[in-house]
Amino acid sequence: MGTREGESCSGKYILIEVPNWNDAPGEADAMSSYLRLGAVKDPAIAGSAGAPRASGEDLAALVTSFADDDRVRDGCPEFVPVSERKAETERLHSKGGWRDHSDGNRVSTTRGDKVEIIRGNYRMLVLGRQNHDSGWDASGGHVQQSGITFEGDPVASSEIRYVQNYDGTWKVIENSIKGDVFTRYHGDNVEEHFGNIRQSTTGSESPGQHRENPSIVEHTWATRIESYTGSSALPVPLLKDETWAAEMESKTFADAITEETTVSGAIKSTTSASSTEDSTTVNSITSSTTADRMASTTTCPDILDTTVGNTLSTIIGTETEIIVGNVAEITVGGEEAITIGGIVDITIGLMLDVCIAGRIEYDAGPKLDLSTLKQEVAQIKTEVASIHNKTAAAINYMAAMINLG
């Protein structure tokens, strides 16, 4: 144990040293502690990995830089070039000042307040007894964390840089690997995101070990939920939603539902399925459609349409129905047909009309049945010209209706 003053090539120093305080037989097991104030005693071994163990310079060699040495800060306030930052850091272990080392533990207790003010940079390196590079770096006005969280993956990193976005600002760029996160908020939570890209990815198409696809469960209870995407002043140029699933289940329970869709262009809907089942139970259904033109095409070998209850169908305009094939119409009960206007009924082929019960038809207007036209032509030759004109008019009318359809 001893205290002595000395002078080296770099200046004066005072040294308080307790070498081999554990009385070890060899240097490999010897433990020492010292405090040196002033100049570096031996600049040749300062911050050298090959320095003697008792000097502690082998540990000091693990920290020779700061994150701010190479940090991108071009254009930031109080800009300092990289060359100047690195030049100052190169003097980290040779500049002198205060140097202490202990091969044992160091415990500091303070019953009152403690204040540390550092004019330069500060870096803490914790090896965790396993040579892990963990800790933090406070340099250039920023605090940056390091640890095994950022190891083991080429994209894992943490970086702070000055960018010219928003007329110049600092940006934190972090890629984190590993870790479970449990977050609980008691209070308000407001998030605002700006930038060119906001992307979220959960799982992958090729899951594997340590990259398993999770099970996602979301529960929400709230007094009110509102969701807005775009606005009338600035609509979103494109919204795309794509879902692939083996099974989908959706349930909605509400006192009232209001849906409104306004499309300036066209609406296209395509459904492909082995079977569909749609069940709706309500007290009243009101459907209103306004369009310049409607076209509906159904391709199905068999269609079964069942309505239990009274139906009222009102068509204001012209209706054209074309059936290619046989038509079988069975009415069990009474049927009333009231026609105000003309009827053109053209049957080409077989028509089966079966009515079980009474049938009442009221026609206020002329009716032309062309199925018996040949018999009438043979019997009434004098009316051939008139009937021919009427038939031609009916065919032209049907052709016009087909073109409109």
Protein backbone atom coordinates (compact mmCIF):
# COMPACT_ATOMS: atom_id res chain seq x y z
CA MET A 1 0.00 0.00 0.00
CA GLY A 2 1.38 3.37 -0.81
CA THR A 3 0.80 6.94 -1.95
CA ARG A 4 3.28 8.62 -4.17
CA GLU A 5 3.69 11.48 -6.54
CA GLY A 6 5.23 11.00 -9.95
CA GLU A 7 5.80 12.51 -13.31
CA SER A 8 5.52 10.93 -16.74
CA CYS A 9 5.97 12.15 -20.25
CA SER A 10 2.40 13.46 -20.16
CA GLY A 11 2.62 15.35 -16.85
CA LYS A 12 2.35 15.02 -13.07
CA TYR A 13 0.20 12.59 -11.14
CA ILE A 14 -0.50 11.33 -7.64
CA LEU A 15 -1.14 7.61 -7.10
CA ILE A 16 -2.84 5.78 -4.24
CA GLU A 17 -2.33 2.05 -4.77
CA VAL A 18 -2.98 -1.21 -2.90
CA PRO A 19 -1.35 -3.97 -5.01
CA ASN A 20 -2.07 -7.68 -4.44
CA TRP A 21 -4.34 -6.99 -1.49
CA ASN A 22 -5.48 -10.63 -1.51
CA ASP A 23 -1.85 -11.92 -1.10
CA ALA A 24 -2.10 -14.13 -4.17
CA PRO A 25 0.99 -16.18 -5.02
CA GLY A 26 0.96 -15.14 -8.69
CA GLU A 27 0.03 -12.16 -10.82
CA ALA A 28 -2.80 -14.03 -12.50
CA ASP A 29 -4.72 -14.24 -9.21
CA ALA A 30 -3.52 -10.98 -7.63
CA MET A 31 -6.16 -8.34 -6.96
CA SER A 32 -5.31 -4.69 -6.78
CA SER A 33 -6.97 -1.32 -6.44
CA TYR A 34 -5.68 2.16 -7.16
CA LEU A 35 -6.67 5.77 -7.63
CA ARG A 36 -4.62 8.06 -9.83
CA LEU A 37 -5.17 11.79 -10.20
CA GLY A 38 -3.51 13.88 -12.87
CA ALA A 39 -1.50 12.66 -15.85
CA VAL A 40 -1.38 9.12 -17.18
CA LYS A 41 1.45 7.19 -15.54
CA ASP A 42 2.28 5.01 -18.56
CA PRO A 43 0.68 6.21 -21.84
CA ALA A 44 2.09 3.13 -23.63
CA ILE A 45 -0.45 0.82 -21.96
CA ALA A 46 -3.38 3.25 -21.61
CA GLY A 47 -6.48 1.62 -23.07
CA SER A 48 -4.45 -1.37 -24.30
CA ALA A 49 -5.99 -4.84 -24.36
CA GLY A 50 -2.57 -6.41 -23.69
CA ALA A 51 -1.82 -4.31 -20.57
CA PRO A 52 -1.10 -6.04 -17.23
CA ARG A 53 -4.20 -7.22 -15.38
CA ALA A 54 -3.45 -5.11 -12.30
CA SER A 55 -3.63 -1.94 -14.38
CA GLY A 56 -7.22 -2.54 -15.47
CA GLU A 57 -6.35 -1.15 -18.89
CA ASP A 58 -7.48 -4.39 -20.51
CA LEU A 59 -11.00 -3.54 -19.36
CA ALA A 60 -10.64 0.10 -20.37
CA ALA A 61 -9.78 -1.09 -23.87
CA LEU A 62 -13.38 -2.34 -24.24
CA VAL A 63 -14.57 1.28 -24.49
CA THR A 64 -12.70 3.38 -27.04
CA SER A 65 -15.55 5.19 -28.81
CA PHE A 66 -18.92 6.88 -28.44
CA ALA A 67 -22.02 6.58 -30.57
CA ASP A 68 -21.72 10.25 -31.51
CA ASP A 69 -18.28 9.74 -33.12
CA ASP A 70 -19.89 8.64 -36.41
CA ARG A 71 -23.45 9.86 -35.90
CA VAL A 72 -25.03 11.57 -38.89
CA ARG A 73 -25.66 15.15 -37.75
CA ASP A 74 -24.97 17.18 -40.89
CA GLY A 75 -26.94 20.42 -40.78
CA CYS A 76 -27.95 20.15 -37.11
CA PRO A 77 -27.54 23.06 -34.69
CA GLU A 78 -24.02 23.34 -33.19
CA PHE A 79 -22.67 20.99 -35.84
CA VAL A 80 -19.27 19.40 -35.06
CA PRO A 81 -17.46 17.53 -37.86
CA VAL A 82 -16.78 13.81 -37.48
CA SER A 83 -13.03 14.38 -37.56
CA GLU A 84 -13.13 16.64 -34.51
CA ARG A 85 -15.38 14.26 -32.60
CA LYS A 86 -13.10 11.31 -33.29
CA ALA A 87 -9.96 13.29 -32.46
CA GLU A 88 -11.26 14.08 -28.99
CA THR A 89 -12.34 10.47 -28.40
CA GLU A 90 -8.85 9.19 -29.30
CA ARG A 91 -7.58 10.99 -26.18
CA LEU A 92 -10.09 9.18 -23.96
CA HIS A 93 -7.51 7.02 -22.12
CA SER A 94 -4.44 9.16 -22.61
CA LYS A 95 -5.73 12.62 -21.63
CA GLY A 96 -5.53 11.97 -17.91
CA GLY A 97 -7.59 13.37 -15.05
CA TRP A 98 -9.12 10.77 -12.74
CA ARG A 99 -8.38 7.05 -13.09
CA ASP A 100 -9.31 4.34 -10.66
CA HIS A 101 -9.46 0.57 -10.85
CA SER A 102 -10.38 -2.32 -8.58
CA ASP A 103 -10.30 -6.07 -9.15
CA GLY A 104 -12.90 -6.42 -6.42
CA ASN A 105 -16.31 -4.88 -5.98
CA ARG A 106 -17.06 -1.19 -5.80
CA VAL A 107 -19.97 -0.10 -3.64
CA SER A 108 -21.00 3.52 -3.27
CA THR A 109 -23.70 4.60 -0.84
CA THR A 110 -25.17 8.07 -0.49
CA ARG A 111 -27.75 8.90 2.12
CA GLY A 112 -28.54 12.25 0.67
CA ASP A 113 -28.60 13.65 -2.87
CA LYS A 114 -26.02 12.93 -5.55
CA VAL A 115 -25.35 15.09 -8.58
CA GLU A 116 -23.07 14.27 -11.49
CA ILE A 117 -22.51 16.83 -14.21
CA ILE A 118 -20.56 15.70 -17.26
CA ARG A 119 -19.46 18.26 -19.80
CA GLY A 120 -18.34 15.65 -22.31
CA ASN A 121 -19.76 12.25 -23.23
CA TYR A 122 -20.71 9.37 -20.95
CA ARG A 123 -20.75 5.66 -21.68
CA MET A 124 -21.64 2.76 -19.41
CA LEU A 125 -20.59 -0.78 -20.37
CA VAL A 126 -21.93 -3.72 -18.36
CA LEU A 127 -20.58 -7.15 -19.29
CA GLY A 128 -23.02 -9.02 -17.03
CA ARG A 129 -20.35 -11.56 -15.96
CA GLN A 130 -20.69 -13.16 -19.40
CA ASN A 131 -18.95 -10.65 -21.68
CA HIS A 132 -22.21 -9.21 -22.97
CA ASP A 133 -22.00 -5.73 -24.46
CA SER A 134 -24.91 -4.03 -22.70
CA GLY A 135 -25.38 -0.55 -21.34
CA TRP A 136 -26.02 2.91 -22.69
CA ASP A 137 -24.24 5.75 -24.39
CA ALA A 138 -24.99 9.39 -23.65
CA SER A 139 -23.10 11.37 -26.26
CA GLY A 140 -23.85 14.28 -28.54
CA GLY A 141 -27.00 15.13 -26.61
CA HIS A 142 -28.64 11.71 -27.07
CA VAL A 143 -28.98 8.55 -24.98
CA GLN A 144 -28.65 5.28 -26.88
CA GLN A 145 -29.11 1.81 -25.43
CA SER A 146 -27.23 -1.36 -26.32
CA GLY A 147 -27.60 -5.00 -25.28
CA ILE A 148 -28.20 -8.56 -26.42
CA THR A 149 -31.66 -7.45 -27.60
CA PHE A 150 -29.92 -6.20 -30.73
CA GLU A 151 -27.75 -9.30 -31.23
CA GLY A 152 -28.25 -12.41 -33.32
CA ASP A 153 -30.03 -10.83 -36.26
CA PRO A 154 -28.60 -8.76 -39.11
CA VAL A 155 -31.44 -6.22 -38.93
CA ALA A 156 -31.23 -5.64 -35.17
CA SER A 157 -29.87 -2.19 -34.46
CA SER A 158 -30.52 1.12 -32.77
CA GLU A 159 -29.50 4.39 -34.34
CA ILE A 160 -30.09 8.11 -33.88
CA ARG A 161 -29.39 10.46 -36.77
CA TYR A 162 -30.19 13.98 -37.90
CA VAL A 163 -32.39 14.07 -41.01
CA GLN A 164 -33.65 16.92 -43.17
CA ASN A 165 -37.31 15.93 -42.80
CA TYR A 166 -39.60 18.60 -41.38
CA ASP A 167 -36.90 21.24 -42.02
CA GLY A 168 -34.38 19.24 -39.99
CA THR A 169 -35.00 16.96 -36.99
CA TRP A 170 -33.51 14.10 -34.99
CA LYS A 171 -34.82 10.64 -35.75
CA VAL A 172 -34.51 7.41 -33.77
CA ILE A 173 -34.26 4.30 -35.96
CA GLU A 174 -34.53 1.08 -33.98
CA ASN A 175 -34.90 -2.57 -34.99
CA SER A 176 -35.48 -4.69 -31.91
CA ILE A 177 -35.22 -8.49 -31.68
CA LYS A 178 -36.51 -10.76 -28.88
CA GLY A 179 -38.50 -9.90 -25.83
CA ASP A 180 -42.00 -10.20 -24.38
CA VAL A 181 -43.85 -6.93 -23.90
CA PHE A 182 -46.67 -6.45 -21.40
CA THR A 183 -48.10 -2.94 -21.41
CA ARG A 184 -50.83 -1.50 -19.22
CA TYR A 185 -52.08 2.07 -19.51
CA HIS A 186 -53.88 3.94 -16.77
CA GLY A 187 -54.84 7.21 -18.36
CA ASP A 188 -55.19 8.73 -21.79
CA ASN A 189 -53.32 7.34 -24.77
CA VAL A 190 -52.96 9.44 -27.93
CA GLU A 191 -50.91 8.40 -30.97
CA GLU A 192 -50.11 10.45 -34.04
CA HIS A 193 -48.10 9.07 -36.94
CA PHE A 194 -46.60 11.03 -39.81
CA GLY A 195 -44.15 9.94 -42.49
CA ASN A 196 -43.98 8.13 -45.79
CA ILE A 197 -44.63 4.57 -44.58
CA ARG A 198 -46.45 2.93 -41.68
CA GLN A 199 -46.29 -0.86 -42.03
CA SER A 200 -47.28 -3.57 -39.60
CA THR A 201 -46.52 -7.27 -40.10
CA THR A 202 -47.55 -10.12 -37.82
CA GLY A 203 -46.24 -13.61 -38.54
CA SER A 204 -45.16 -14.77 -41.98
CA GLU A 205 -46.05 -17.16 -44.80
CA SER A 206 -43.05 -19.32 -43.78
CA PRO A 207 -43.12 -19.69 -39.99
CA GLY A 208 -40.34 -21.61 -38.29
CA GLN A 209 -38.50 -22.05 -35.03
CA HIS A 210 -38.41 -18.79 -33.05
CA ARG A 211 -40.61 -17.29 -35.80
CA GLU A 212 -43.93 -18.93 -35.00
CA ASN A 213 -47.18 -17.34 -36.12
CA PRO A 214 -49.15 -16.16 -33.08
CA SER A 215 -52.76 -16.50 -32.05
CA ILE A 216 -54.36 -13.04 -32.09
CA VAL A 217 -57.19 -12.19 -29.71
CA GLU A 218 -58.62 -8.69 -29.37
CA HIS A 219 -61.20 -7.53 -26.84
CA THR A 220 -62.63 -4.01 -26.78
CA TRP A 221 -65.04 -2.44 -24.32
CA ALA A 222 -65.79 1.24 -24.75
CA THR A 223 -68.45 3.86 -24.28
CA ARG A 224 -68.07 4.91 -27.91
CA ILE A 225 -66.05 3.73 -30.92
CA GLU A 226 -65.52 5.87 -34.00
CA SER A 227 -63.35 5.10 -37.01
CA TYR A 228 -62.60 7.48 -39.88
CA THR A 229 -60.54 6.82 -42.99
CA GLY A 230 -59.89 9.82 -45.20
CA SER A 231 -62.35 12.67 -45.55
CA SER A 232 -64.36 14.47 -48.23
CA ALA A 233 -61.59 17.07 -48.42
CA LEU A 234 -58.84 14.44 -48.78
CA PRO A 235 -60.05 10.92 -49.62
CA VAL A 236 -57.63 7.99 -49.61
CA PRO A 237 -56.54 7.24 -53.20
CA LEU A 238 -56.77 3.45 -52.71
CA LEU A 239 -58.18 1.17 -50.02
CA LYS A 240 -57.42 -2.54 -50.48
CA ASP A 241 -58.53 -5.31 -48.14
CA GLU A 242 -57.56 -8.92 -48.83
CA THR A 243 -58.38 -11.84 -46.52
CA TRP A 244 -57.42 -15.51 -46.88
CA ALA A 245 -58.92 -17.83 -44.27
CA ALA A 246 -60.00 -21.44 -43.91
CA GLU A 247 -63.10 -20.37 -41.97
CA MET A 248 -64.67 -17.02 -41.16
CA GLU A 249 -67.29 -16.29 -38.53
CA SER A 250 -68.89 -12.92 -37.83
CA LYS A 251 -71.60 -11.98 -35.35
CA THR A 252 -73.17 -8.58 -34.81
CA PHE A 253 -75.67 -7.69 -32.10
CA ALA A 254 -77.04 -4.15 -32.17
CA ASP A 255 -80.22 -2.21 -31.44
CA ALA A 256 -79.98 -0.42 -34.80
CA ILE A 257 -77.68 -0.54 -37.82
CA THR A 258 -77.33 2.20 -40.42
CA GLU A 259 -75.17 1.64 -43.47
CA GLU A 260 -74.63 4.15 -46.25
CA THR A 261 -72.44 3.67 -49.34
CA THR A 262 -71.97 6.32 -52.00
CA VAL A 263 -69.95 5.36 -55.08
CA SER A 264 -69.37 7.75 -57.96
CA GLY A 265 -68.09 4.97 -60.21
CA ALA A 266 -68.99 1.30 -60.59
CA ILE A 267 -69.46 -1.40 -57.94
CA LYS A 268 -68.24 -4.92 -58.69
CA SER A 269 -68.88 -7.84 -56.38
CA THR A 270 -67.82 -11.45 -57.03
CA THR A 271 -68.50 -14.43 -54.76
CA SER A 272 -67.20 -17.96 -55.40
CA ALA A 273 -68.33 -20.68 -53.01
CA SER A 274 -69.52 -24.27 -52.97
CA SER A 275 -72.68 -23.15 -51.18
CA THR A 276 -74.06 -20.05 -49.51
CA GLU A 277 -76.65 -19.68 -46.78
CA ASP A 278 -78.24 -16.36 -45.92
CA SER A 279 -80.79 -16.03 -43.14
CA THR A 280 -82.41 -12.76 -42.10
CA THR A 281 -85.05 -12.36 -39.39
CA VAL A 282 -86.49 -8.89 -38.97
CA ASN A 283 -89.86 -7.23 -38.49
CA SER A 284 -89.60 -5.16 -41.66
CA ILE A 285 -87.30 -4.93 -44.67
CA THR A 286 -87.20 -1.88 -46.89
CA SER A 287 -84.93 -1.84 -49.93
CA SER A 288 -84.61 1.03 -52.37
CA THR A 289 -82.48 1.00 -55.50
CA THR A 290 -82.12 3.86 -57.99
CA ALA A 291 -80.10 3.15 -61.12
CA ASP A 292 -80.00 4.04 -64.81
CA ARG A 293 -79.62 0.39 -65.72
CA MET A 294 -79.54 -2.93 -63.88
CA ALA A 295 -78.28 -6.26 -65.23
CA SER A 296 -78.46 -9.46 -63.20
CA THR A 297 -77.14 -12.84 -64.34
CA THR A 298 -77.53 -16.07 -62.38
CA THR A 299 -75.98 -19.33 -63.57
CA CYS A 300 -77.31 -22.27 -61.58
CA PRO A 301 -78.73 -25.70 -62.55
CA ASP A 302 -81.54 -25.43 -59.99
CA ILE A 303 -82.98 -22.39 -58.24
CA LEU A 304 -85.53 -22.73 -55.43
CA ASP A 305 -87.26 -19.53 -54.34
CA THR A 306 -89.81 -19.75 -51.52
CA THR A 307 -91.77 -16.85 -50.09
CA VAL A 308 -94.09 -17.36 -47.11
CA GLY A 309 -96.45 -14.41 -46.92
CA ASN A 310 -98.07 -11.85 -49.16
CA THR A 311 -96.04 -10.23 -51.93
CA LEU A 312 -96.65 -7.06 -53.89
CA SER A 313 -94.57 -6.28 -56.96
CA THR A 314 -95.04 -2.95 -58.72
CA ILE A 315 -93.34 -2.15 -62.01
CA ILE A 316 -93.67 1.34 -63.42
CA GLY A 317 -92.40 1.02 -66.96
CA THR A 318 -91.91 -1.79 -69.41
CA GLU A 319 -91.08 -5.39 -68.40
CA THR A 320 -89.72 -7.96 -70.80
CA GLU A 321 -89.28 -11.59 -69.68
CA ILE A 322 -87.53 -14.04 -71.99
CA ILE A 323 -87.46 -17.74 -71.03
CA VAL A 324 -85.48 -20.19 -73.11
CA GLY A 325 -86.88 -23.58 -72.09
CA ASN A 326 -90.05 -24.96 -70.58
CA VAL A 327 -92.16 -22.94 -68.14
CA ALA A 328 -94.34 -24.66 -65.53
CA GLU A 329 -96.49 -22.39 -63.39
CA ILE A 330 -98.64 -23.94 -60.68
CA THR A 331 -101.08 -21.83 -58.66
CA VAL A 332 -102.69 -23.42 -55.60
CA GLY A 333 -105.46 -21.02 -54.71
CA GLY A 334 -106.98 -18.08 -56.43
CA GLU A 335 -105.20 -15.99 -59.05
CA GLU A 336 -106.25 -12.58 -60.18
CA ALA A 337 -104.67 -10.93 -63.22
CA ILE A 338 -105.69 -7.39 -64.05
CA THR A 339 -104.23 -5.84 -67.17
CA ILE A 340 -104.88 -2.23 -68.06
CA GLY A 341 -103.52 -1.83 -71.55
CA GLY A 342 -102.54 -4.11 -74.36
CA ILE A 343 -101.18 -7.65 -74.05
CA VAL A 344 -98.94 -9.33 -76.59
CA ASP A 345 -98.54 -13.01 -75.73
CA ILE A 346 -96.24 -14.96 -78.07
CA THR A 347 -95.59 -18.66 -77.37
CA ILE A 348 -93.05 -20.57 -79.47
CA GLY A 349 -92.93 -24.13 -78.25
CA LEU A 350 -94.65 -25.92 -75.36
CA MET A 351 -96.39 -24.01 -72.56
CA LEU A 352 -97.96 -25.77 -69.53
CA ASP A 353 -100.23 -23.68 -67.34
CA VAL A 354 -101.89 -25.61 -64.48
CA CYS A 355 -104.32 -23.88 -62.11
CA ILE A 356 -105.86 -25.80 -59.23
CA ALA A 357 -108.78 -23.68 -57.96
CA GLY A 358 -110.40 -20.63 -59.45
CA ARG A 359 -108.76 -18.20 -61.83
CA ILE A 360 -110.06 -14.75 -62.66
CA GLU A 361 -108.55 -12.56 -65.35
CA TYR A 362 -109.55 -8.97 -66.10
CA ASP A 363 -108.31 -7.50 -69.35
CA ALA A 364 -109.05 -3.86 -70.13
CA GLY A 365 -107.59 -3.62 -73.57
CA PRO A 366 -106.92 -5.69 -76.66
CA LYS A 367 -105.34 -9.12 -76.33
CA LEU A 368 -103.64 -10.96 -79.15
CA ASP A 369 -102.81 -14.66 -78.77
CA LEU A 370 -100.53 -15.67 -81.63
CA SER A 371 -100.52 -19.36 -80.62
CA THR A 372 -103.86 -19.79 -82.53
CA LEU A 373 -102.92 -17.44 -85.34
CA LYS A 374 -102.64 -20.19 -87.99
CA GLN A 375 -106.16 -21.47 -87.30
CA GLU A 376 -107.63 -18.00 -87.44
CA VAL A 377 -105.83 -17.24 -90.73
CA ALA A 378 -107.31 -20.37 -92.32
CA GLN A 379 -110.83 -19.53 -91.16
CA ILE A 380 -110.84 -15.77 -91.59
CA LYS A 381 -108.93 -14.87 -94.74
CA THR A 382 -110.33 -11.39 -94.81
CA GLU A 383 -108.52 -10.50 -91.57
CA VAL A 384 -105.07 -11.77 -92.69
CA ALA A 385 -103.73 -8.36 -93.62
CA SER A 386 -104.86 -6.76 -90.36
CA ILE A 387 -103.50 -9.59 -88.16
CA HIS A 388 -100.23 -9.59 -90.12
CA ASN A 389 -99.72 -5.93 -89.36
CA LYS A 390 -100.48 -6.45 -85.68
CA THR A 391 -98.08 -9.41 -85.49
CA ALA A 392 -95.26 -7.42 -87.11
CA ALA A 393 -95.82 -4.61 -84.64
CA ALA A 394 -95.70 -7.05 -81.73
CA ILE A 395 -92.44 -8.62 -82.95
CA ASN A 396 -90.84 -5.20 -83.39
CA TYR A 397 -91.96 -4.30 -79.89
CA MET A 398 -90.39 -7.47 -78.46
CA ALA A 399 -87.17 -6.82 -80.36
CA ALA A 400 -86.99 -3.31 -78.95
CA MET A 401 -87.56 -4.62 -75.44
CA ILE A 402 -84.80 -7.22 -75.90
CA ASN A 403 -82.39 -4.53 -77.06
CA LEU A 404 -83.25 -2.42 -74.03
CA GLY A 405 -82.62 -5.41 -71.75
